[in-house]
Amino acid sequence: MVTESRIKEVEQLNELFKQSSCAIIAEYRGVKANDMTDLRRNLRSVNSRLKVTKNTLAKLATKDTSFEVAGPMLSGPVSIIFTMGEDVSKPAKMLFDFAKVNSNMNIVGGILEGSAMGAADVKKLATMPPKPVVQGMLLGLFQAPARNFVGVLAAAPRKFLYALNAISDKKNAG
């Protein structure tokens, strides 16, 4: 039976999916409520939300979003971690650290930019450095050829001056 509360929950979930840049799905069977509360609190600090809902409602909520590929992952008691910011590695790392301590938490997979990921892909995502660090690394790669070229150009006059100094020293010594 369709109730007003379920319609409202589907709308709220749909809004979360639309706002998210990434969603990670994890089984939580056997995890203590206090531990889940701590995980929720920690995820909020990195602009993410953990939501436990009925799978049928979650599947309905993914309609008209890039998260429709999540359908097969939504079976059994699962929680969905919504990442609102650009940095998707912090929530993934936080979830993996939590799963190490709580062996009952099992990461099923995730969705990033409309592509489904397995648990191994989510683990790779968790080990990635934050976005600003990656941007800095890329900037360094882009600057390296120009920096090397300037070094090569500066080397020619420097070597010429060394040669002149050597000739001068030789004449002064002799």
N, C-alpha and C. Protein backbone atom coordinates (compact mmCIF):
# COMPACT_ATOMS: atom_id res chain seq x y z
N MET A 1 0.84 -1.16 0.00
CA MET A 1 0.00 0.00 0.00
C MET A 1 0.90 1.25 0.00
N VAL A 2 0.58 2.20 -0.85
CA VAL A 2 1.34 3.44 -0.95
C VAL A 2 0.84 4.41 0.11
N THR A 3 1.73 4.81 0.98
CA THR A 3 1.36 5.76 2.01
C THR A 3 2.07 7.09 1.77
N GLU A 4 1.56 8.10 2.40
CA GLU A 4 2.13 9.44 2.25
C GLU A 4 3.58 9.48 2.74
N SER A 5 3.86 8.75 3.82
CA SER A 5 5.22 8.76 4.37
C SER A 5 6.21 8.11 3.41
N ARG A 6 5.78 7.06 2.71
CA ARG A 6 6.68 6.39 1.76
C ARG A 6 6.93 7.26 0.54
N ILE A 7 5.92 7.95 0.10
CA ILE A 7 6.08 8.86 -1.04
C ILE A 7 7.07 9.96 -0.65
N LYS A 8 6.94 10.46 0.55
CA LYS A 8 7.83 11.51 1.04
C LYS A 8 9.26 11.00 1.16
N GLU A 9 9.42 9.77 1.64
CA GLU A 9 10.75 9.19 1.78
C GLU A 9 11.41 8.99 0.41
N VAL A 10 10.64 8.54 -0.58
CA VAL A 10 11.18 8.38 -1.93
C VAL A 10 11.62 9.74 -2.49
N GLU A 11 10.84 10.77 -2.25
CA GLU A 11 11.20 12.11 -2.71
C GLU A 11 12.48 12.60 -2.04
N GLN A 12 12.61 12.35 -0.74
CA GLN A 12 13.82 12.76 -0.02
C GLN A 12 15.05 12.00 -0.54
N LEU A 13 14.89 10.70 -0.75
CA LEU A 13 15.99 9.90 -1.29
C LEU A 13 16.37 10.36 -2.68
N ASN A 14 15.37 10.65 -3.51
CA ASN A 14 15.62 11.12 -4.87
C ASN A 14 16.41 12.42 -4.83
N GLU A 15 16.08 13.29 -3.91
CA GLU A 15 16.80 14.56 -3.77
C GLU A 15 18.25 14.31 -3.34
N LEU A 16 18.45 13.35 -2.43
CA LEU A 16 19.81 13.00 -2.01
C LEU A 16 20.62 12.45 -3.18
N PHE A 17 20.00 11.59 -3.98
CA PHE A 17 20.70 11.05 -5.14
C PHE A 17 21.07 12.16 -6.12
N LYS A 18 20.18 13.11 -6.32
CA LYS A 18 20.45 14.20 -7.26
C LYS A 18 21.57 15.12 -6.76
N GLN A 19 21.68 15.28 -5.45
CA GLN A 19 22.71 16.15 -4.88
C GLN A 19 24.07 15.47 -4.76
N SER A 20 24.09 14.15 -4.82
CA SER A 20 25.31 13.39 -4.56
C SER A 20 26.21 13.29 -5.78
N SER A 21 27.50 13.28 -5.51
CA SER A 21 28.46 13.04 -6.58
C SER A 21 28.85 11.55 -6.60
N CYS A 22 28.63 10.87 -5.49
CA CYS A 22 28.99 9.45 -5.37
C CYS A 22 28.09 8.81 -4.31
N ALA A 23 27.80 7.53 -4.50
CA ALA A 23 27.06 6.78 -3.48
C ALA A 23 27.78 5.45 -3.27
N ILE A 24 27.94 5.08 -2.02
CA ILE A 24 28.58 3.81 -1.67
C ILE A 24 27.54 2.97 -0.93
N ILE A 25 27.44 1.72 -1.32
CA ILE A 25 26.44 0.83 -0.73
C ILE A 25 27.16 -0.23 0.09
N ALA A 26 26.69 -0.42 1.33
CA ALA A 26 27.33 -1.36 2.24
C ALA A 26 26.29 -2.11 3.05
N GLU A 27 26.54 -3.41 3.27
CA GLU A 27 25.70 -4.21 4.15
C GLU A 27 26.07 -3.90 5.59
N TYR A 28 25.07 -3.77 6.42
CA TYR A 28 25.33 -3.38 7.81
C TYR A 28 24.83 -4.41 8.81
N ARG A 29 24.42 -5.57 8.36
CA ARG A 29 23.85 -6.59 9.25
C ARG A 29 24.83 -6.94 10.37
N GLY A 30 24.39 -6.80 11.61
CA GLY A 30 25.22 -7.15 12.76
C GLY A 30 25.99 -5.99 13.34
N VAL A 31 25.94 -4.82 12.72
CA VAL A 31 26.65 -3.66 13.26
C VAL A 31 25.78 -3.04 14.35
N LYS A 32 26.39 -2.71 15.47
CA LYS A 32 25.65 -2.14 16.60
C LYS A 32 25.16 -0.75 16.27
N ALA A 33 24.01 -0.39 16.84
CA ALA A 33 23.39 0.91 16.58
C ALA A 33 24.30 2.06 17.00
N ASN A 34 24.99 1.92 18.11
CA ASN A 34 25.91 2.98 18.56
C ASN A 34 27.03 3.19 17.56
N ASP A 35 27.54 2.10 16.99
CA ASP A 35 28.61 2.21 15.99
C ASP A 35 28.10 2.90 14.73
N MET A 36 26.87 2.57 14.32
CA MET A 36 26.28 3.22 13.15
C MET A 36 26.09 4.71 13.40
N THR A 37 25.69 5.08 14.61
CA THR A 37 25.51 6.48 14.96
C THR A 37 26.85 7.22 14.88
N ASP A 38 27.91 6.58 15.38
CA ASP A 38 29.25 7.19 15.30
C ASP A 38 29.68 7.36 13.85
N LEU A 39 29.41 6.34 13.03
CA LEU A 39 29.76 6.43 11.60
C LEU A 39 28.99 7.57 10.93
N ARG A 40 27.72 7.68 11.24
CA ARG A 40 26.91 8.78 10.68
C ARG A 40 27.50 10.14 11.05
N ARG A 41 27.86 10.29 12.30
CA ARG A 41 28.42 11.55 12.78
C ARG A 41 29.74 11.86 12.05
N ASN A 42 30.59 10.86 11.93
CA ASN A 42 31.87 11.05 11.25
C ASN A 42 31.68 11.38 9.77
N LEU A 43 30.72 10.74 9.13
CA LEU A 43 30.47 11.01 7.72
C LEU A 43 29.93 12.42 7.51
N ARG A 44 29.13 12.91 8.44
CA ARG A 44 28.62 14.28 8.32
C ARG A 44 29.75 15.29 8.32
N SER A 45 30.84 14.98 9.02
CA SER A 45 31.97 15.91 9.08
C SER A 45 32.69 16.05 7.74
N VAL A 46 32.49 15.10 6.83
CA VAL A 46 33.10 15.17 5.49
C VAL A 46 32.04 15.36 4.41
N ASN A 47 30.93 15.99 4.79
CA ASN A 47 29.86 16.35 3.86
C ASN A 47 29.23 15.12 3.19
N SER A 48 28.95 14.11 3.99
CA SER A 48 28.32 12.88 3.51
C SER A 48 27.22 12.47 4.46
N ARG A 49 26.32 11.62 3.96
CA ARG A 49 25.21 11.13 4.78
C ARG A 49 25.04 9.65 4.61
N LEU A 50 24.76 8.96 5.69
CA LEU A 50 24.45 7.54 5.66
C LEU A 50 22.96 7.39 5.84
N LYS A 51 22.35 6.63 4.96
CA LYS A 51 20.89 6.44 5.02
C LYS A 51 20.59 4.95 4.93
N VAL A 52 19.75 4.47 5.84
CA VAL A 52 19.25 3.10 5.79
C VAL A 52 17.78 3.20 5.40
N THR A 53 17.41 2.49 4.34
CA THR A 53 16.04 2.56 3.84
C THR A 53 15.68 1.23 3.18
N LYS A 54 14.44 1.10 2.85
CA LYS A 54 14.00 -0.10 2.15
C LYS A 54 14.54 -0.07 0.73
N ASN A 55 14.97 -1.22 0.24
CA ASN A 55 15.57 -1.30 -1.09
C ASN A 55 14.59 -0.90 -2.18
N THR A 56 13.32 -1.27 -2.04
CA THR A 56 12.34 -0.92 -3.08
C THR A 56 12.17 0.60 -3.16
N LEU A 57 12.20 1.27 -2.02
CA LEU A 57 12.09 2.73 -2.01
C LEU A 57 13.34 3.36 -2.63
N ALA A 58 14.50 2.79 -2.33
CA ALA A 58 15.75 3.31 -2.89
C ALA A 58 15.78 3.13 -4.41
N LYS A 59 15.30 1.98 -4.88
CA LYS A 59 15.25 1.74 -6.33
C LYS A 59 14.32 2.73 -7.02
N LEU A 60 13.19 3.01 -6.38
CA LEU A 60 12.27 4.02 -6.93
C LEU A 60 12.92 5.40 -6.94
N ALA A 61 13.69 5.70 -5.92
CA ALA A 61 14.31 7.02 -5.80
C ALA A 61 15.43 7.24 -6.82
N THR A 62 16.01 6.17 -7.34
CA THR A 62 17.10 6.33 -8.31
C THR A 62 16.60 6.68 -9.70
N LYS A 63 15.30 6.60 -9.92
CA LYS A 63 14.75 6.93 -11.24
C LYS A 63 15.12 8.36 -11.60
N ASP A 64 15.45 8.55 -12.87
CA ASP A 64 15.81 9.86 -13.42
C ASP A 64 17.06 10.46 -12.77
N THR A 65 17.94 9.61 -12.27
CA THR A 65 19.23 10.07 -11.75
C THR A 65 20.32 9.21 -12.38
N SER A 66 21.56 9.60 -12.17
CA SER A 66 22.68 8.81 -12.70
C SER A 66 22.95 7.58 -11.84
N PHE A 67 22.13 7.36 -10.81
CA PHE A 67 22.34 6.24 -9.89
C PHE A 67 21.41 5.06 -10.18
N GLU A 68 20.76 5.06 -11.32
CA GLU A 68 19.86 3.95 -11.67
C GLU A 68 20.58 2.62 -11.77
N VAL A 69 21.89 2.65 -12.04
CA VAL A 69 22.67 1.41 -12.14
C VAL A 69 22.85 0.73 -10.79
N ALA A 70 22.41 1.37 -9.72
CA ALA A 70 22.56 0.80 -8.37
C ALA A 70 21.57 -0.33 -8.10
N GLY A 71 20.58 -0.51 -8.94
CA GLY A 71 19.53 -1.50 -8.72
C GLY A 71 20.01 -2.86 -8.25
N PRO A 72 20.94 -3.51 -8.97
CA PRO A 72 21.39 -4.85 -8.54
C PRO A 72 22.10 -4.87 -7.19
N MET A 73 22.66 -3.76 -6.77
CA MET A 73 23.37 -3.72 -5.49
C MET A 73 22.42 -3.57 -4.31
N LEU A 74 21.21 -3.15 -4.58
CA LEU A 74 20.24 -2.89 -3.52
C LEU A 74 19.44 -4.14 -3.20
N SER A 75 20.08 -5.06 -2.48
CA SER A 75 19.38 -6.25 -2.01
C SER A 75 19.93 -6.61 -0.64
N GLY A 76 19.05 -7.04 0.22
CA GLY A 76 19.44 -7.33 1.59
C GLY A 76 19.50 -6.04 2.40
N PRO A 77 19.91 -6.15 3.66
CA PRO A 77 19.96 -4.96 4.50
C PRO A 77 21.19 -4.11 4.16
N VAL A 78 20.98 -3.07 3.36
CA VAL A 78 22.10 -2.22 2.95
C VAL A 78 21.87 -0.78 3.38
N SER A 79 22.97 -0.10 3.54
CA SER A 79 22.94 1.33 3.82
C SER A 79 23.57 2.03 2.63
N ILE A 80 23.17 3.27 2.42
CA ILE A 80 23.70 4.05 1.30
C ILE A 80 24.42 5.25 1.88
N ILE A 81 25.66 5.44 1.47
CA ILE A 81 26.43 6.60 1.90
C ILE A 81 26.44 7.57 0.73
N PHE A 82 25.85 8.73 0.92
CA PHE A 82 25.77 9.77 -0.10
C PHE A 82 26.90 10.77 0.13
N THR A 83 27.69 11.01 -0.90
CA THR A 83 28.78 11.98 -0.83
C THR A 83 28.36 13.23 -1.55
N MET A 84 28.24 14.34 -0.83
CA MET A 84 27.74 15.59 -1.40
C MET A 84 28.84 16.44 -2.02
N GLY A 85 30.05 16.36 -1.52
CA GLY A 85 31.13 17.22 -2.00
C GLY A 85 31.88 16.61 -3.17
N GLU A 86 32.92 17.32 -3.60
CA GLU A 86 33.74 16.85 -4.71
C GLU A 86 34.72 15.77 -4.27
N ASP A 87 35.14 15.82 -3.01
CA ASP A 87 36.12 14.85 -2.52
C ASP A 87 35.40 13.58 -2.10
N VAL A 88 35.46 12.57 -2.96
CA VAL A 88 34.77 11.31 -2.69
C VAL A 88 35.68 10.30 -2.00
N SER A 89 36.97 10.62 -1.90
CA SER A 89 37.89 9.66 -1.30
C SER A 89 37.78 9.63 0.23
N LYS A 90 37.51 10.78 0.86
CA LYS A 90 37.43 10.82 2.33
C LYS A 90 36.31 9.94 2.88
N PRO A 91 35.07 10.05 2.37
CA PRO A 91 34.02 9.16 2.90
C PRO A 91 34.31 7.69 2.63
N ALA A 92 34.88 7.39 1.46
CA ALA A 92 35.22 5.99 1.15
C ALA A 92 36.28 5.48 2.12
N LYS A 93 37.29 6.28 2.40
CA LYS A 93 38.33 5.88 3.35
C LYS A 93 37.75 5.71 4.74
N MET A 94 36.87 6.63 5.13
CA MET A 94 36.23 6.54 6.45
C MET A 94 35.43 5.25 6.58
N LEU A 95 34.72 4.89 5.52
CA LEU A 95 33.92 3.67 5.53
C LEU A 95 34.81 2.43 5.59
N PHE A 96 35.92 2.41 4.85
CA PHE A 96 36.83 1.27 4.89
C PHE A 96 37.49 1.14 6.25
N ASP A 97 37.85 2.26 6.86
CA ASP A 97 38.42 2.21 8.21
C ASP A 97 37.40 1.66 9.20
N PHE A 98 36.14 2.07 9.05
CA PHE A 98 35.07 1.56 9.91
C PHE A 98 34.88 0.06 9.70
N ALA A 99 34.94 -0.38 8.43
CA ALA A 99 34.75 -1.81 8.11
C ALA A 99 35.89 -2.66 8.68
N LYS A 100 37.09 -2.09 8.80
CA LYS A 100 38.21 -2.83 9.40
C LYS A 100 37.93 -3.13 10.87
N VAL A 101 37.34 -2.16 11.56
CA VAL A 101 37.05 -2.30 12.99
C VAL A 101 35.80 -3.16 13.20
N ASN A 102 34.80 -2.95 12.35
CA ASN A 102 33.53 -3.69 12.45
C ASN A 102 33.45 -4.68 11.29
N SER A 103 33.80 -5.91 11.58
CA SER A 103 33.85 -6.92 10.52
C SER A 103 32.46 -7.22 9.93
N ASN A 104 31.39 -6.80 10.60
CA ASN A 104 30.04 -7.03 10.08
C ASN A 104 29.69 -6.08 8.94
N MET A 105 30.40 -4.95 8.81
CA MET A 105 30.16 -4.00 7.72
C MET A 105 30.85 -4.54 6.47
N ASN A 106 30.07 -4.72 5.42
CA ASN A 106 30.60 -5.28 4.17
C ASN A 106 30.27 -4.32 3.03
N ILE A 107 31.28 -3.80 2.37
CA ILE A 107 31.05 -2.86 1.27
C ILE A 107 30.69 -3.63 0.02
N VAL A 108 29.52 -3.32 -0.53
CA VAL A 108 29.00 -4.01 -1.71
C VAL A 108 29.54 -3.38 -2.98
N GLY A 109 29.52 -2.05 -3.06
CA GLY A 109 29.96 -1.34 -4.25
C GLY A 109 29.58 0.12 -4.17
N GLY A 110 29.60 0.75 -5.32
CA GLY A 110 29.25 2.16 -5.34
C GLY A 110 28.94 2.64 -6.74
N ILE A 111 28.55 3.89 -6.84
CA ILE A 111 28.24 4.52 -8.12
C ILE A 111 28.95 5.86 -8.13
N LEU A 112 29.73 6.09 -9.17
CA LEU A 112 30.44 7.36 -9.33
C LEU A 112 30.22 7.83 -10.76
N GLU A 113 29.62 8.99 -10.91
CA GLU A 113 29.34 9.60 -12.21
C GLU A 113 28.60 8.64 -13.14
N GLY A 114 27.62 7.94 -12.60
CA GLY A 114 26.77 7.06 -13.40
C GLY A 114 27.37 5.70 -13.69
N SER A 115 28.56 5.41 -13.19
CA SER A 115 29.20 4.12 -13.42
C SER A 115 29.20 3.30 -12.13
N ALA A 116 28.81 2.04 -12.27
CA ALA A 116 28.82 1.15 -11.11
C ALA A 116 30.25 0.71 -10.81
N MET A 117 30.54 0.60 -9.53
CA MET A 117 31.86 0.14 -9.08
C MET A 117 31.68 -1.03 -8.13
N GLY A 118 32.61 -1.95 -8.19
CA GLY A 118 32.61 -3.05 -7.25
C GLY A 118 33.31 -2.64 -5.96
N ALA A 119 33.36 -3.54 -5.02
CA ALA A 119 34.00 -3.24 -3.73
C ALA A 119 35.48 -2.92 -3.91
N ALA A 120 36.16 -3.59 -4.85
CA ALA A 120 37.58 -3.34 -5.10
C ALA A 120 37.79 -1.92 -5.64
N ASP A 121 36.88 -1.47 -6.50
CA ASP A 121 36.97 -0.11 -7.04
C ASP A 121 36.75 0.94 -5.95
N VAL A 122 35.84 0.65 -5.04
CA VAL A 122 35.60 1.57 -3.93
C VAL A 122 36.83 1.63 -3.04
N LYS A 123 37.51 0.50 -2.88
CA LYS A 123 38.74 0.47 -2.08
C LYS A 123 39.82 1.32 -2.75
N LYS A 124 39.93 1.23 -4.07
CA LYS A 124 40.89 2.09 -4.80
C LYS A 124 40.55 3.56 -4.60
N LEU A 125 39.26 3.86 -4.63
CA LEU A 125 38.79 5.23 -4.42
C LEU A 125 39.19 5.71 -3.02
N ALA A 126 39.12 4.80 -2.05
CA ALA A 126 39.46 5.15 -0.66
C ALA A 126 40.95 5.44 -0.49
N THR A 127 41.78 4.84 -1.33
CA THR A 127 43.23 5.03 -1.20
C THR A 127 43.75 6.21 -2.01
N MET A 128 42.87 6.82 -2.80
CA MET A 128 43.29 7.97 -3.59
C MET A 128 43.52 9.18 -2.69
N PRO A 129 44.48 10.03 -3.06
CA PRO A 129 44.66 11.26 -2.29
C PRO A 129 43.49 12.21 -2.54
N PRO A 130 43.29 13.18 -1.68
CA PRO A 130 42.20 14.15 -1.87
C PRO A 130 42.37 14.94 -3.17
N LYS A 131 41.30 15.51 -3.65
CA LYS A 131 41.29 16.21 -4.93
C LYS A 131 42.33 17.33 -5.01
N PRO A 132 42.49 18.19 -3.99
CA PRO A 132 43.51 19.24 -4.10
C PRO A 132 44.93 18.69 -4.28
N VAL A 133 45.23 17.55 -3.66
CA VAL A 133 46.55 16.94 -3.80
C VAL A 133 46.74 16.44 -5.23
N VAL A 134 45.72 15.80 -5.79
CA VAL A 134 45.79 15.32 -7.17
C VAL A 134 45.95 16.50 -8.13
N GLN A 135 45.23 17.59 -7.87
CA GLN A 135 45.37 18.78 -8.72
C GLN A 135 46.79 19.33 -8.65
N GLY A 136 47.37 19.36 -7.47
CA GLY A 136 48.75 19.82 -7.31
C GLY A 136 49.73 18.94 -8.04
N MET A 137 49.51 17.62 -7.98
CA MET A 137 50.37 16.69 -8.70
C MET A 137 50.28 16.91 -10.20
N LEU A 138 49.07 17.11 -10.71
CA LEU A 138 48.90 17.38 -12.14
C LEU A 138 49.55 18.69 -12.55
N LEU A 139 49.41 19.71 -11.72
CA LEU A 139 50.03 20.99 -12.01
C LEU A 139 51.55 20.84 -12.09
N GLY A 140 52.11 20.08 -11.18
CA GLY A 140 53.55 19.80 -11.20
C GLY A 140 53.96 19.10 -12.48
N LEU A 141 53.14 18.15 -12.94
CA LEU A 141 53.45 17.45 -14.19
C LEU A 141 53.40 18.40 -15.38
N PHE A 142 52.43 19.32 -15.37
CA PHE A 142 52.31 20.27 -16.48
C PHE A 142 53.46 21.27 -16.47
N GLN A 143 53.96 21.64 -15.29
CA GLN A 143 55.02 22.62 -15.19
C GLN A 143 56.40 22.04 -15.46
N ALA A 144 56.58 20.75 -15.28
CA ALA A 144 57.89 20.12 -15.39
C ALA A 144 58.55 20.35 -16.75
N PRO A 145 57.89 20.16 -17.89
CA PRO A 145 58.58 20.39 -19.17
C PRO A 145 59.06 21.83 -19.33
N ALA A 146 58.24 22.79 -18.93
CA ALA A 146 58.64 24.20 -19.04
C ALA A 146 59.83 24.49 -18.12
N ARG A 147 59.79 23.95 -16.91
CA ARG A 147 60.89 24.16 -15.96
C ARG A 147 62.18 23.54 -16.48
N ASN A 148 62.09 22.36 -17.06
CA ASN A 148 63.27 21.70 -17.62
C ASN A 148 63.82 22.49 -18.82
N PHE A 149 62.93 23.02 -19.64
CA PHE A 149 63.34 23.79 -20.80
C PHE A 149 64.08 25.05 -20.38
N VAL A 150 63.58 25.74 -19.35
CA VAL A 150 64.24 26.93 -18.83
C VAL A 150 65.62 26.56 -18.29
N GLY A 151 65.72 25.42 -17.64
CA GLY A 151 67.01 24.96 -17.13
C GLY A 151 68.00 24.71 -18.25
N VAL A 152 67.55 24.14 -19.34
CA VAL A 152 68.42 23.88 -20.50
C VAL A 152 68.87 25.20 -21.12
N LEU A 153 67.94 26.14 -21.25
CA LEU A 153 68.29 27.44 -21.82
C LEU A 153 69.28 28.20 -20.93
N ALA A 154 69.13 28.09 -19.63
CA ALA A 154 70.03 28.78 -18.72
C ALA A 154 71.39 28.11 -18.66
N ALA A 155 71.48 26.86 -19.01
CA ALA A 155 72.74 26.12 -18.92
C ALA A 155 73.77 26.60 -19.94
N ALA A 156 73.32 26.98 -21.13
CA ALA A 156 74.27 27.39 -22.19
C ALA A 156 75.06 28.64 -21.78
N PRO A 157 74.43 29.74 -21.36
CA PRO A 157 75.24 30.90 -20.94
C PRO A 157 76.10 30.60 -19.72
N ARG A 158 75.59 29.76 -18.81
CA ARG A 158 76.34 29.41 -17.61
C ARG A 158 77.63 28.67 -17.99
N LYS A 159 77.51 27.72 -18.91
CA LYS A 159 78.69 26.97 -19.35
C LYS A 159 79.68 27.90 -20.06
N PHE A 160 79.16 28.85 -20.82
CA PHE A 160 80.02 29.81 -21.50
C PHE A 160 80.81 30.64 -20.48
N LEU A 161 80.11 31.08 -19.40
CA LEU A 161 80.79 31.83 -18.35
C LEU A 161 81.83 30.98 -17.64
N TYR A 162 81.54 29.70 -17.39
CA TYR A 162 82.52 28.81 -16.77
C TYR A 162 83.76 28.68 -17.66
N ALA A 163 83.53 28.59 -18.97
CA ALA A 163 84.66 28.47 -19.90
C ALA A 163 85.50 29.75 -19.87
N LEU A 164 84.84 30.91 -19.87
CA LEU A 164 85.57 32.18 -19.80
C LEU A 164 86.36 32.29 -18.50
N ASN A 165 85.75 31.90 -17.38
CA ASN A 165 86.45 31.93 -16.09
C ASN A 165 87.65 30.98 -16.10
N ALA A 166 87.50 29.83 -16.70
CA ALA A 166 88.60 28.85 -16.76
C ALA A 166 89.74 29.43 -17.58
N ILE A 167 89.43 30.07 -18.71
CA ILE A 167 90.48 30.66 -19.56
C ILE A 167 91.16 31.78 -18.79
N SER A 168 90.36 32.62 -18.09
CA SER A 168 90.90 33.72 -17.30
C SER A 168 91.82 33.20 -16.21
N ASP A 169 91.38 32.16 -15.50
CA ASP A 169 92.21 31.57 -14.44
C ASP A 169 93.50 31.00 -15.00
N LYS A 170 93.43 30.40 -16.16
CA LYS A 170 94.60 29.78 -16.79
C LYS A 170 95.61 30.86 -17.18
N LYS A 171 95.12 32.00 -17.72
CA LYS A 171 96.01 33.09 -18.13
C LYS A 171 96.63 33.76 -16.90
N ASN A 172 95.82 33.91 -15.82
CA ASN A 172 96.34 34.53 -14.60
C ASN A 172 97.34 33.64 -13.90
N ALA A 173 97.17 32.33 -13.98
CA ALA A 173 98.05 31.39 -13.33
C ALA A 173 99.36 31.27 -14.12
N GLY A 174 99.29 31.42 -15.41
CA GLY A 174 100.44 31.17 -16.25
C GLY A 174 101.26 32.34 -16.49
